Amino acid sequence: MDRRHLVEAFTLASLGLLAHACSAAPAPQASWSFDGPDGALNASTVQDAAFVAAADDQSPVGPERLRVLLDGEDVTAQADIDDRDLVYAPTELEDGQRTVTLVLAAEDDAEEEVEPDILHEWQVTVDTVPPDVEVTSPDGAVIEGEPMTVAGTTEPGATVTLAGAEVAVDQDGAFELELAAVPEEPTLVATDAAGNVTEQELALVTVPSRVETDELRTVHVSFCGWAAPSLREPVLDLVERGVINAVQLDLKDETGKVGFDVQHEMAGRVGADTPDCDVDLEAAVEQLHELGVPVVGRIVAFADPVLARWAWDNGERDWVIQTADNQMFTGKYAGFSNFADEEVIDYTIAVAEEAAQAGVDHILWDYIRKPDGPLEQFHFAGLETTPEEQLVEFTRRADERLAPYGVLHGASLYGVSADRPTEVSQDVEQMADHLDYVAPMIYPSHWGPGEYDVADPLHQPYDISTATLEIWLEATEGKRARVIPWLEDSNYPVSLGYADRADYVREQIRATYDVGIREWLLWDSAVSYTEAAMLDPDD
């Protein structure tokens, strides 16, 4: 409605605001001063907004003749009026464009309608909604002492500040702040054009360094293997000459021991912090990162005799996988922790978090499964679903908790799990939604005759590797996780009758490349590898 129509509406008799007056006798005019907001009102300032008109001491007309319109509606009853002042302080104003108009009404004894005088008008924009903020970068850990970029989106026209740096938001709402280092107080503040403020504490995670690689070709190294120069140095030599491009280093192994300086209280309570050999993890990460290769930290999750035995002896029996008659299950493993118990889950993932904080680039889970054997022979305290679903849930929770560190995580899985998910409760297709890669253990020596139509898997390493990997590729098609197989490089096949260890390893690698996978992990518990077998994928 334009100003003319606004005034005409105001003159309607139904408002009772105008009377008749002789056209020859206009209303006397006062000398007025005005005060009030102009421009934008936000969630804070709208509470104190007041529109004021004051008549001077000599004025023959007082504020009782004034009428207040809010967007054309008479709100004079909400104003405070005394002898000389009118104050309109609305308790609330709806968001949007608002017009407050002061008019001087005709005298009560006027006999004829006259057009009221518009004394003053305020145009304000009310915006009480704080800006939404979405931070898109960094989306993982940041490197200590190095420059970092904080980017995201918020309301167009806003400004964003962090650690003393300020940037204007572009017309699409995007912003980007360049900082020289990780701020000590990472509170991001977004202020919109109206002055509404949103503060967001950034959950920044720092690591000492980080190395990435697109294709992973690596070998397994145990605690004691890294501690022994005679085993460590040959592995470093493979790194320096580019034969491998990563090192898989054990962090928690099949004994249940943690091989680095773990701080989680459960490790100390159950005695997991006393391995026969330990690793200075920060030093190992620094050394390998200086060589330009990532560290893959292997964590054995639930094959854990240290935790299981302590729990059984100290009244925490729900932490342990039990037999059907509620005895501690041992079998050939000496004890399995219960993947349905919250404290066990928290401890297992917490070990991975500590490793990620130390700069480990990948977490590679192992033994995220039930023990071998029929399901009916086990009891899992607290399990409310199937073991397969519970272990998928573990991968989801691990993925969620590791996400702030920017690490990749994979899982070492039984070779049969791609098409037999209930064998050890590993549902590959579902796990692959929460992992960056799956690492099937497809060792030819472990397959029986005729498996996947291969007559003699031990002596046909190429054929069995090819057949197995094709099934894994099919199971993970369209999934987040890619396939990086564990291949066998040990003396065990030779002890079974395979004549040439190097040929045995080479045939597995050749099969891997031929199905389109350019990545592998080599396993030898003795940490002694066959360099002559390590084919380059580009050769």
Protein backbone atom coordinates (compact mmCIF):
# COMPACT_ATOMS: atom_id res chain seq x y z
CA MET A 1 0.00 0.00 0.00
CA ASP A 2 1.47 3.40 -0.93
CA ARG A 3 1.53 6.34 1.44
CA ARG A 4 -1.51 8.02 -0.12
CA HIS A 5 -3.64 4.90 0.24
CA LEU A 6 -2.31 4.32 3.73
CA VAL A 7 -3.51 7.75 4.82
CA GLU A 8 -6.84 7.30 3.06
CA ALA A 9 -7.33 4.01 4.88
CA PHE A 10 -6.48 5.72 8.11
CA THR A 11 -9.24 8.27 7.51
CA LEU A 12 -11.99 5.68 7.41
CA ALA A 13 -14.72 6.47 9.91
CA SER A 14 -14.52 2.94 11.32
CA LEU A 15 -11.16 3.79 12.83
CA GLY A 16 -12.71 6.61 14.80
CA LEU A 17 -9.55 8.63 14.45
CA LEU A 18 -10.69 11.61 12.35
CA ALA A 19 -13.49 14.08 12.87
CA HIS A 20 -15.00 16.81 10.78
CA ALA A 21 -13.44 20.22 10.75
CA CYS A 22 -13.92 23.41 8.79
CA SER A 23 -11.55 23.54 5.91
CA ALA A 24 -10.80 27.09 6.85
CA ALA A 25 -9.52 26.05 10.28
CA PRO A 26 -6.62 23.54 9.92
CA ALA A 27 -5.22 21.84 12.99
CA PRO A 28 -2.42 23.71 14.73
CA GLN A 29 1.02 22.18 14.20
CA ALA A 30 3.55 21.40 16.91
CA SER A 31 7.30 21.33 16.69
CA TRP A 32 8.38 17.68 17.00
CA SER A 33 11.57 15.70 17.41
CA PHE A 34 11.78 12.00 16.59
CA ASP A 35 14.02 9.14 17.64
CA GLY A 36 14.02 5.44 16.83
CA PRO A 37 15.73 2.66 14.94
CA ASP A 38 16.37 2.88 11.26
CA GLY A 39 17.56 0.06 9.02
CA ALA A 40 17.85 -3.42 10.54
CA LEU A 41 16.71 -4.89 13.84
CA ASN A 42 18.10 -8.23 15.00
CA ALA A 43 17.24 -10.68 17.76
CA SER A 44 19.02 -8.51 20.30
CA THR A 45 18.11 -4.97 19.25
CA VAL A 46 14.45 -5.69 18.53
CA GLN A 47 13.91 -6.23 22.26
CA ASP A 48 14.91 -2.65 23.00
CA ALA A 49 13.43 -0.94 19.96
CA ALA A 50 11.48 2.25 20.77
CA PHE A 51 9.92 4.78 18.41
CA VAL A 52 9.72 8.19 20.11
CA ALA A 53 8.05 11.51 19.27
CA ALA A 54 8.53 14.51 21.55
CA ALA A 55 6.81 17.91 21.31
CA ASP A 56 8.75 21.00 22.37
CA ASP A 57 7.73 23.01 25.44
CA GLN A 58 6.00 25.74 23.39
CA SER A 59 3.90 23.42 21.28
CA PRO A 60 0.14 24.00 21.50
CA VAL A 61 -0.45 20.39 20.44
CA GLY A 62 0.58 17.42 22.60
CA PRO A 63 1.22 13.77 21.78
CA GLU A 64 -2.38 12.86 22.64
CA ARG A 65 -3.21 13.88 19.08
CA LEU A 66 -0.74 11.37 17.64
CA ARG A 67 -1.68 8.02 16.23
CA VAL A 68 0.77 5.14 15.62
CA LEU A 69 0.42 2.81 12.66
CA LEU A 70 2.33 -0.46 12.29
CA ASP A 71 2.13 -1.55 8.66
CA GLY A 72 -1.10 0.44 8.40
CA GLU A 73 -2.73 -0.97 11.54
CA ASP A 74 -3.49 1.35 14.44
CA VAL A 75 -1.37 0.31 17.43
CA THR A 76 -1.67 3.57 19.42
CA ALA A 77 -3.06 1.64 22.40
CA GLN A 78 0.35 -0.01 22.79
CA ALA A 79 2.16 3.34 23.12
CA ASP A 80 3.03 5.19 26.32
CA ILE A 81 1.87 8.82 26.12
CA ASP A 82 2.40 11.67 28.56
CA ASP A 83 2.18 15.45 28.28
CA ARG A 84 5.01 15.85 25.82
CA ASP A 85 6.21 12.37 24.68
CA LEU A 86 4.91 9.35 22.86
CA VAL A 87 6.94 6.15 23.10
CA TYR A 88 5.98 3.09 21.05
CA ALA A 89 8.07 0.12 22.25
CA PRO A 90 6.56 -3.01 20.68
CA THR A 91 7.06 -6.17 22.68
CA GLU A 92 7.72 -8.01 19.44
CA LEU A 93 7.94 -7.39 15.73
CA GLU A 94 7.55 -10.11 13.15
CA ASP A 95 10.48 -10.72 10.83
CA GLY A 96 10.32 -8.86 7.54
CA GLN A 97 9.94 -5.28 6.27
CA ARG A 98 8.05 -3.15 8.82
CA THR A 99 6.78 0.46 8.60
CA VAL A 100 5.97 2.52 11.69
CA THR A 101 4.09 5.74 10.87
CA LEU A 102 3.18 8.67 13.16
CA VAL A 103 0.21 10.80 12.07
CA LEU A 104 -1.47 13.79 13.63
CA ALA A 105 -5.23 13.22 13.94
CA ALA A 106 -7.83 15.96 13.50
CA GLU A 107 -9.31 17.67 16.54
CA ASP A 108 -12.33 16.00 18.09
CA ASP A 109 -14.74 18.86 17.20
CA ALA A 110 -13.81 18.94 13.55
CA GLU A 111 -16.90 18.88 11.33
CA GLU A 112 -15.30 17.83 8.11
CA GLU A 113 -12.82 15.06 7.18
CA VAL A 114 -9.35 16.31 6.56
CA GLU A 115 -6.28 14.47 5.53
CA PRO A 116 -4.11 13.74 8.57
CA ASP A 117 -0.55 14.92 8.70
CA ILE A 118 2.16 12.24 8.46
CA LEU A 119 4.69 13.50 10.95
CA HIS A 120 7.31 10.78 10.66
CA GLU A 121 7.89 7.30 9.29
CA TRP A 122 10.43 4.59 10.11
CA GLN A 123 11.27 1.82 7.68
CA VAL A 124 12.95 -1.14 9.40
CA THR A 125 13.91 -4.67 8.44
CA VAL A 126 13.38 -7.15 11.25
CA ASP A 127 15.61 -10.24 11.15
CA THR A 128 15.82 -12.24 14.37
CA VAL A 129 17.07 -15.54 12.94
CA PRO A 130 20.80 -16.30 13.52
CA PRO A 131 22.60 -17.46 10.39
CA ASP A 132 23.03 -21.17 9.77
CA VAL A 133 26.66 -22.24 9.40
CA GLU A 134 28.01 -25.36 7.73
CA VAL A 135 31.76 -25.97 7.85
CA THR A 136 32.96 -28.12 4.95
CA SER A 137 36.71 -27.83 5.50
CA PRO A 138 38.73 -29.16 7.19
CA ASP A 139 36.90 -32.47 6.98
CA GLY A 140 39.58 -34.40 8.84
CA ALA A 141 42.64 -33.87 10.95
CA VAL A 142 44.87 -30.85 10.42
CA ILE A 143 48.65 -30.85 10.61
CA GLU A 144 50.24 -29.25 13.65
CA GLY A 145 52.01 -25.97 12.89
CA GLU A 146 50.98 -25.88 9.23
CA PRO A 147 48.59 -23.46 7.47
CA MET A 148 44.99 -24.53 7.34
CA THR A 149 41.85 -23.54 5.45
CA VAL A 150 38.45 -23.22 7.06
CA ALA A 151 35.66 -23.12 4.49
CA GLY A 152 31.91 -23.48 4.48
CA THR A 153 28.62 -21.77 3.84
CA THR A 154 26.38 -19.39 5.74
CA GLU A 155 23.92 -16.58 5.01
CA PRO A 156 24.83 -14.33 2.05
CA GLY A 157 25.90 -10.90 3.21
CA ALA A 158 27.30 -12.16 6.51
CA THR A 159 30.85 -11.89 7.78
CA VAL A 160 32.82 -14.73 9.33
CA THR A 161 35.61 -14.39 11.87
CA LEU A 162 37.96 -16.95 13.38
CA ALA A 163 41.08 -16.36 15.45
CA GLY A 164 41.20 -12.68 14.46
CA ALA A 165 40.79 -13.32 10.74
CA GLU A 166 37.66 -11.96 9.05
CA VAL A 167 36.18 -12.61 5.64
CA ALA A 168 33.03 -11.48 3.88
CA VAL A 169 30.66 -14.16 2.62
CA ASP A 170 30.09 -14.21 -1.13
CA GLN A 171 26.70 -13.92 -2.83
CA ASP A 172 26.20 -17.70 -2.66
CA GLY A 173 26.94 -17.81 1.05
CA ALA A 174 30.37 -19.41 0.68
CA PHE A 175 33.35 -18.37 2.76
CA GLU A 176 36.99 -19.39 3.07
CA LEU A 177 39.48 -18.40 5.75
CA GLU A 178 43.21 -18.99 5.48
CA LEU A 179 44.96 -19.40 8.83
CA ALA A 180 48.69 -19.67 9.45
CA ALA A 181 48.23 -22.46 12.00
CA VAL A 182 45.61 -24.24 14.07
CA PRO A 183 44.00 -21.63 16.37
CA GLU A 184 44.15 -22.12 20.12
CA GLU A 185 40.50 -21.04 20.44
CA PRO A 186 38.74 -22.35 17.33
CA THR A 187 35.43 -20.50 17.72
CA LEU A 188 33.99 -19.46 14.38
CA VAL A 189 31.61 -16.47 14.52
CA ALA A 190 29.16 -15.71 11.71
CA THR A 191 27.39 -12.33 11.83
CA ASP A 192 24.60 -11.65 9.35
CA ALA A 193 23.71 -8.25 7.87
CA ALA A 194 21.20 -7.62 10.65
CA GLY A 195 23.77 -8.34 13.34
CA ASN A 196 22.52 -11.78 14.42
CA VAL A 197 25.39 -13.94 15.57
CA THR A 198 26.06 -17.67 15.43
CA GLU A 199 29.07 -19.10 17.25
CA GLN A 200 30.33 -22.54 16.35
CA GLU A 201 33.12 -24.32 18.17
CA LEU A 202 35.19 -26.19 15.60
CA ALA A 203 36.10 -29.71 16.65
CA LEU A 204 39.58 -29.56 15.16
CA VAL A 205 41.77 -32.62 15.49
CA THR A 206 45.51 -32.23 14.98
CA VAL A 207 48.05 -34.84 13.97
CA PRO A 208 51.81 -34.47 13.69
CA SER A 209 51.85 -35.36 9.97
CA ARG A 210 49.94 -37.20 7.30
CA VAL A 211 50.85 -39.13 4.11
CA GLU A 212 48.42 -40.43 1.52
CA THR A 213 48.72 -42.86 -1.36
CA ASP A 214 46.23 -43.80 -4.06
CA GLU A 215 47.41 -47.40 -4.29
CA LEU A 216 48.53 -49.45 -1.30
CA ARG A 217 51.31 -52.03 -1.63
CA THR A 218 52.69 -53.00 1.72
CA VAL A 219 53.93 -55.72 4.07
CA HIS A 220 52.98 -56.75 7.58
CA VAL A 221 55.36 -55.86 10.44
CA SER A 222 54.79 -57.06 14.01
CA PHE A 223 55.79 -55.21 17.20
CA CYS A 224 58.92 -57.28 17.57
CA GLY A 225 59.62 -57.12 13.85
CA TRP A 226 59.78 -53.32 14.05
CA ALA A 227 61.82 -53.43 17.24
CA ALA A 228 64.45 -55.74 15.66
CA PRO A 229 66.84 -53.90 13.30
CA SER A 230 67.46 -57.14 11.42
CA LEU A 231 63.78 -57.19 10.39
CA ARG A 232 63.00 -53.50 10.31
CA GLU A 233 65.88 -52.43 8.07
CA PRO A 234 64.98 -54.72 5.14
CA VAL A 235 61.44 -53.32 5.22
CA LEU A 236 62.76 -49.75 5.22
CA ASP A 237 65.01 -50.68 2.31
CA LEU A 238 61.95 -51.83 0.35
CA VAL A 239 60.37 -48.47 1.11
CA GLU A 240 63.40 -46.42 0.10
CA ARG A 241 63.68 -48.24 -3.22
CA GLY A 242 60.00 -47.88 -3.98
CA VAL A 243 59.21 -51.59 -3.94
CA ILE A 244 56.49 -50.98 -1.37
CA ASN A 245 54.75 -47.67 -0.68
CA ALA A 246 53.43 -48.17 2.86
CA VAL A 247 54.15 -50.13 6.03
CA GLN A 248 51.54 -52.14 7.91
CA LEU A 249 52.56 -51.91 11.55
CA ASP A 250 50.83 -53.88 14.30
CA LEU A 251 49.24 -51.78 17.06
CA LYS A 252 47.28 -54.47 18.91
CA ASP A 253 47.88 -58.10 18.01
CA GLU A 254 46.46 -61.58 18.57
CA THR A 255 47.94 -61.76 22.07
CA GLY A 256 45.66 -58.92 23.15
CA LYS A 257 48.67 -56.71 23.87
CA VAL A 258 48.90 -53.13 22.63
CA GLY A 259 52.32 -52.46 21.18
CA PHE A 260 52.56 -48.71 21.75
CA ASP A 261 52.18 -46.36 24.71
CA VAL A 262 48.40 -46.59 25.02
CA GLN A 263 46.69 -44.33 27.56
CA HIS A 264 43.23 -45.88 27.79
CA GLU A 265 42.68 -47.03 31.36
CA MET A 266 41.33 -50.44 30.36
CA ALA A 267 44.61 -51.35 28.70
CA GLY A 268 46.40 -50.84 32.00
CA ARG A 269 43.68 -52.52 34.01
CA VAL A 270 43.72 -55.77 32.04
CA GLY A 271 47.48 -55.78 31.43
CA ALA A 272 47.36 -55.10 27.68
CA ASP A 273 50.01 -52.37 27.96
CA THR A 274 52.91 -54.76 28.61
CA PRO A 275 53.86 -56.36 25.27
CA ASP A 276 57.08 -58.35 24.84
CA CYS A 277 58.18 -55.73 22.31
CA ASP A 278 56.80 -52.24 21.94
CA VAL A 279 56.94 -49.50 19.35
CA ASP A 280 57.67 -45.82 19.79
CA LEU A 281 54.71 -45.03 17.59
CA GLU A 282 55.34 -41.30 17.23
CA ALA A 283 58.93 -41.95 16.18
CA ALA A 284 57.90 -44.69 13.75
CA VAL A 285 55.27 -42.45 12.17
CA GLU A 286 57.75 -39.61 11.85
CA GLN A 287 60.37 -41.82 10.26
CA LEU A 288 58.00 -43.37 7.74
CA HIS A 289 56.33 -40.08 6.90
CA GLU A 290 59.73 -38.54 6.22
CA LEU A 291 60.20 -41.36 3.71
CA GLY A 292 56.89 -40.36 2.14
CA VAL A 293 54.87 -43.47 2.99
CA PRO A 294 51.73 -43.91 5.11
CA VAL A 295 51.45 -46.09 8.20
CA VAL A 296 48.75 -48.74 8.25
CA GLY A 297 48.01 -49.60 11.88
CA ARG A 298 46.66 -53.14 12.33
CA ILE A 299 44.38 -53.63 15.32
CA VAL A 300 43.19 -57.10 16.28
CA ALA A 301 39.76 -56.36 17.67
CA PHE A 302 38.09 -59.32 19.37
CA ALA A 303 40.64 -62.14 19.49
CA ASP A 304 41.87 -60.89 22.84
CA PRO A 305 43.03 -63.46 25.41
CA VAL A 306 44.48 -60.78 27.69
CA LEU A 307 41.18 -58.95 28.12
CA ALA A 308 39.12 -62.15 28.11
CA ARG A 309 41.12 -63.88 30.85
CA TRP A 310 41.24 -60.75 33.06
CA ALA A 311 37.50 -60.16 32.62
CA TRP A 312 36.62 -63.76 33.41
CA ASP A 313 38.74 -63.77 36.54
CA ASN A 314 37.51 -60.35 37.74
CA GLY A 315 33.76 -60.63 37.43
CA GLU A 316 33.32 -58.92 34.05
CA ARG A 317 32.17 -62.04 32.27
CA ASP A 318 29.86 -60.18 29.87
CA TRP A 319 33.03 -58.88 28.24
CA VAL A 320 33.81 -62.41 27.07
CA ILE A 321 32.33 -64.65 24.38
CA GLN A 322 31.02 -67.68 26.22
CA THR A 323 30.00 -71.20 25.38
CA ALA A 324 26.34 -72.15 25.24
CA ASP A 325 26.56 -73.35 28.86
CA ASN A 326 28.06 -70.02 29.98
CA GLN A 327 31.68 -71.01 30.29
CA MET A 328 34.55 -68.92 28.91
CA PHE A 329 35.05 -69.84 25.27
CA THR A 330 38.65 -70.54 24.35
CA GLY A 331 38.88 -73.02 21.51
CA LYS A 332 42.10 -72.42 19.64
CA TYR A 333 42.13 -68.70 20.45
CA ALA A 334 42.67 -68.64 24.25
CA GLY A 335 39.85 -66.10 24.57
CA PHE A 336 37.60 -63.81 22.55
CA SER A 337 36.19 -60.49 23.76
CA ASN A 338 32.49 -59.88 23.27
CA PHE A 339 31.70 -57.62 20.33
CA ALA A 340 28.22 -56.97 21.78
CA ASP A 341 29.53 -55.36 24.97
CA GLU A 342 29.68 -51.55 25.08
CA GLU A 343 32.85 -51.34 27.19
CA VAL A 344 34.67 -53.73 24.87
CA ILE A 345 33.56 -51.74 21.81
CA ASP A 346 34.63 -48.44 23.36
CA TYR A 347 38.05 -49.77 24.36
CA THR A 348 38.71 -51.27 20.95
CA ILE A 349 37.84 -48.09 19.06
CA ALA A 350 39.66 -45.92 21.62
CA VAL A 351 42.93 -47.73 20.85
CA ALA A 352 42.41 -46.82 17.19
CA GLU A 353 41.70 -43.19 18.12
CA GLU A 354 44.96 -42.94 20.07
CA ALA A 355 46.85 -44.32 17.09
CA ALA A 356 45.13 -41.84 14.79
CA GLN A 357 46.12 -38.99 17.11
CA ALA A 358 49.73 -40.17 16.83
CA GLY A 359 49.56 -39.75 13.04
CA VAL A 360 48.78 -43.28 11.85
CA ASP A 361 47.19 -42.93 8.42
CA HIS A 362 45.08 -46.11 8.20
CA ILE A 363 43.40 -48.31 10.77
CA LEU A 364 43.23 -51.90 9.56
CA TRP A 365 40.89 -53.99 11.72
CA ASP A 366 41.45 -57.71 12.12
CA TYR A 367 39.38 -60.37 13.87
CA ILE A 368 36.15 -58.40 13.67
CA ARG A 369 34.30 -61.69 13.71
CA LYS A 370 33.02 -64.48 15.87
CA PRO A 371 35.21 -67.56 16.45
CA ASP A 372 34.97 -70.48 14.05
CA GLY A 373 32.18 -72.91 14.79
CA PRO A 374 28.40 -73.28 14.77
CA LEU A 375 26.53 -70.29 16.15
CA GLU A 376 24.58 -72.39 18.63
CA GLN A 377 27.73 -73.25 20.57
CA PHE A 378 28.27 -69.59 21.60
CA HIS A 379 26.64 -67.14 24.00
CA PHE A 380 27.08 -63.38 23.41
CA ALA A 381 25.88 -61.46 26.48
CA GLY A 382 23.79 -58.45 25.52
CA LEU A 383 23.46 -59.38 21.85
CA GLU A 384 20.05 -58.20 20.61
CA THR A 385 20.51 -58.91 16.91
CA THR A 386 22.53 -61.31 14.77
CA PRO A 387 26.33 -61.43 15.10
CA GLU A 388 26.57 -60.30 11.47
CA GLU A 389 24.47 -57.19 12.12
CA GLN A 390 26.33 -56.44 15.33
CA LEU A 391 29.70 -56.53 13.57
CA VAL A 392 28.41 -54.32 10.76
CA GLU A 393 27.33 -51.90 13.49
CA PHE A 394 30.86 -52.00 14.91
CA THR A 395 32.28 -50.89 11.56
CA ARG A 396 29.72 -48.08 11.41
CA ARG A 397 30.58 -46.82 14.88
CA ALA A 398 34.29 -47.08 14.23
CA ASP A 399 33.84 -45.12 11.03
CA GLU A 400 31.93 -42.41 12.88
CA ARG A 401 34.48 -42.04 15.66
CA LEU A 402 37.50 -42.10 13.36
CA ALA A 403 36.06 -39.61 10.87
CA PRO A 404 37.41 -36.47 12.64
CA TYR A 405 40.96 -37.81 12.30
CA GLY A 406 40.85 -38.14 8.54
CA VAL A 407 42.20 -41.69 8.59
CA LEU A 408 41.16 -44.46 6.25
CA HIS A 409 40.01 -47.70 7.80
CA GLY A 410 39.74 -51.16 6.39
CA ALA A 411 39.11 -54.67 7.64
CA SER A 412 40.95 -57.95 7.21
CA LEU A 413 38.21 -60.47 6.44
CA TYR A 414 38.00 -64.22 5.88
CA GLY A 415 38.35 -65.20 2.24
CA VAL A 416 35.03 -67.10 2.35
CA SER A 417 33.04 -64.18 3.76
CA ALA A 418 32.16 -62.63 0.41
CA ASP A 419 29.75 -65.47 -0.38
CA ARG A 420 29.40 -67.08 3.09
CA PRO A 421 28.65 -64.21 5.48
CA THR A 422 27.54 -66.43 8.38
CA GLU A 423 30.74 -68.50 8.43
CA VAL A 424 32.42 -66.13 10.91
CA SER A 425 29.68 -63.45 10.91
CA GLN A 426 31.22 -61.10 8.36
CA ASP A 427 28.62 -59.58 6.06
CA VAL A 428 30.95 -58.13 3.45
CA GLU A 429 28.31 -56.26 1.48
CA GLN A 430 27.06 -54.42 4.56
CA MET A 431 30.50 -53.80 6.06
CA ALA A 432 31.64 -52.33 2.76
CA ASP A 433 29.25 -49.40 3.30
CA HIS A 434 31.27 -48.26 6.35
CA LEU A 435 34.85 -49.09 5.35
CA ASP A 436 37.30 -47.55 2.91
CA TYR A 437 38.58 -50.97 1.90
CA VAL A 438 38.14 -54.65 2.64
CA ALA A 439 41.22 -56.86 2.80
CA PRO A 440 40.25 -60.49 2.15
CA MET A 441 42.76 -63.09 3.33
CA ILE A 442 42.80 -65.27 0.21
CA TYR A 443 45.87 -67.42 0.93
CA PRO A 444 45.92 -70.35 -1.55
CA SER A 445 47.25 -72.73 1.10
CA HIS A 446 44.05 -72.25 3.13
CA TRP A 447 41.61 -73.48 0.47
CA GLY A 448 40.53 -77.08 0.07
CA PRO A 449 40.58 -79.01 -3.21
CA GLY A 450 37.82 -78.01 -5.62
CA GLU A 451 37.08 -74.67 -3.99
CA TYR A 452 35.63 -72.28 -6.59
CA ASP A 453 36.20 -75.05 -9.15
CA VAL A 454 39.97 -74.97 -8.63
CA ALA A 455 41.21 -78.55 -8.33
CA ASP A 456 44.35 -77.89 -6.28
CA PRO A 457 44.41 -74.35 -4.86
CA LEU A 458 47.83 -74.76 -3.22
CA HIS A 459 49.45 -75.56 -6.55
CA GLN A 460 47.24 -73.21 -8.55
CA PRO A 461 47.78 -69.89 -6.72
CA TYR A 462 46.92 -67.82 -9.78
CA ASP A 463 43.64 -69.64 -10.42
CA ILE A 464 42.37 -69.61 -6.84
CA SER A 465 43.39 -65.98 -6.34
CA THR A 466 41.61 -64.97 -9.52
CA ALA A 467 38.43 -66.88 -8.69
CA THR A 468 38.29 -65.52 -5.15
CA LEU A 469 38.93 -61.90 -6.09
CA GLU A 470 36.24 -61.97 -8.76
CA ILE A 471 33.73 -62.94 -6.09
CA TRP A 472 34.97 -60.13 -3.80
CA LEU A 473 34.75 -57.57 -6.57
CA GLU A 474 31.19 -58.64 -7.25
CA ALA A 475 30.25 -58.45 -3.56
CA THR A 476 31.61 -54.90 -3.22
CA GLU A 477 30.45 -53.50 -6.56
CA GLY A 478 28.99 -50.05 -6.03
CA LYS A 479 30.09 -49.94 -2.41
CA ARG A 480 32.31 -47.43 -0.66
CA ALA A 481 35.01 -50.01 0.11
CA ARG A 482 37.51 -51.14 -2.49
CA VAL A 483 39.27 -54.52 -2.38
CA ILE A 484 42.92 -54.77 -1.26
CA PRO A 485 43.76 -58.45 -0.76
CA TRP A 486 46.03 -60.04 1.79
CA LEU A 487 48.44 -62.29 -0.11
CA GLU A 488 50.57 -65.05 1.38
CA ASP A 489 54.35 -64.66 1.44
CA SER A 490 55.64 -67.24 3.91
CA ASN A 491 57.36 -70.62 4.07
CA TYR A 492 54.13 -72.41 4.93
CA PRO A 493 53.18 -73.26 1.30
CA VAL A 494 56.72 -74.56 0.74
CA SER A 495 56.34 -76.81 3.76
CA LEU A 496 53.18 -78.19 2.12
CA GLY A 497 54.99 -78.94 -1.12
CA TYR A 498 55.01 -75.83 -3.31
CA ALA A 499 58.47 -75.76 -4.85
CA ASP A 500 59.24 -72.05 -5.23
CA ARG A 501 58.17 -69.42 -2.70
CA ALA A 502 58.87 -66.49 -5.03
CA ASP A 503 56.78 -68.06 -7.79
CA TYR A 504 53.96 -68.72 -5.32
CA VAL A 505 53.84 -65.04 -4.28
CA ARG A 506 54.33 -63.78 -7.82
CA GLU A 507 51.35 -65.78 -9.10
CA GLN A 508 49.09 -64.25 -6.45
CA ILE A 509 50.22 -60.73 -7.33
CA ARG A 510 49.83 -61.40 -11.04
CA ALA A 511 46.26 -62.60 -10.48
CA THR A 512 45.52 -59.48 -8.44
CA TYR A 513 46.69 -57.20 -11.24
CA ASP A 514 44.88 -59.21 -13.89
CA VAL A 515 41.48 -58.72 -12.22
CA GLY A 516 42.13 -54.96 -12.12
CA ILE A 517 43.37 -54.49 -8.54
CA ARG A 518 46.72 -52.72 -8.26
CA GLU A 519 47.03 -53.03 -4.48
CA TRP A 520 48.06 -55.73 -2.03
CA LEU A 521 49.21 -56.52 1.49
CA LEU A 522 51.76 -59.30 2.06
CA TRP A 523 51.64 -61.46 5.17
CA ASP A 524 54.50 -63.27 6.83
CA SER A 525 54.40 -63.64 10.60
CA ALA A 526 58.20 -63.86 10.52
CA VAL A 527 58.45 -60.45 8.75
CA SER A 528 60.69 -61.77 5.97
CA TYR A 529 59.55 -60.97 2.44
CA THR A 530 60.33 -62.14 -1.06
CA GLU A 531 61.33 -59.05 -3.00
CA ALA A 532 61.81 -60.97 -6.22
CA ALA A 533 58.09 -61.73 -6.24
CA MET A 534 56.89 -58.14 -5.86
CA LEU A 535 55.75 -57.25 -9.36
CA ASP A 536 55.26 -53.62 -10.25
CA PRO A 537 51.74 -53.10 -11.62
CA ASP A 538 53.13 -51.04 -14.50
CA ASP A 539 55.57 -53.72 -15.67
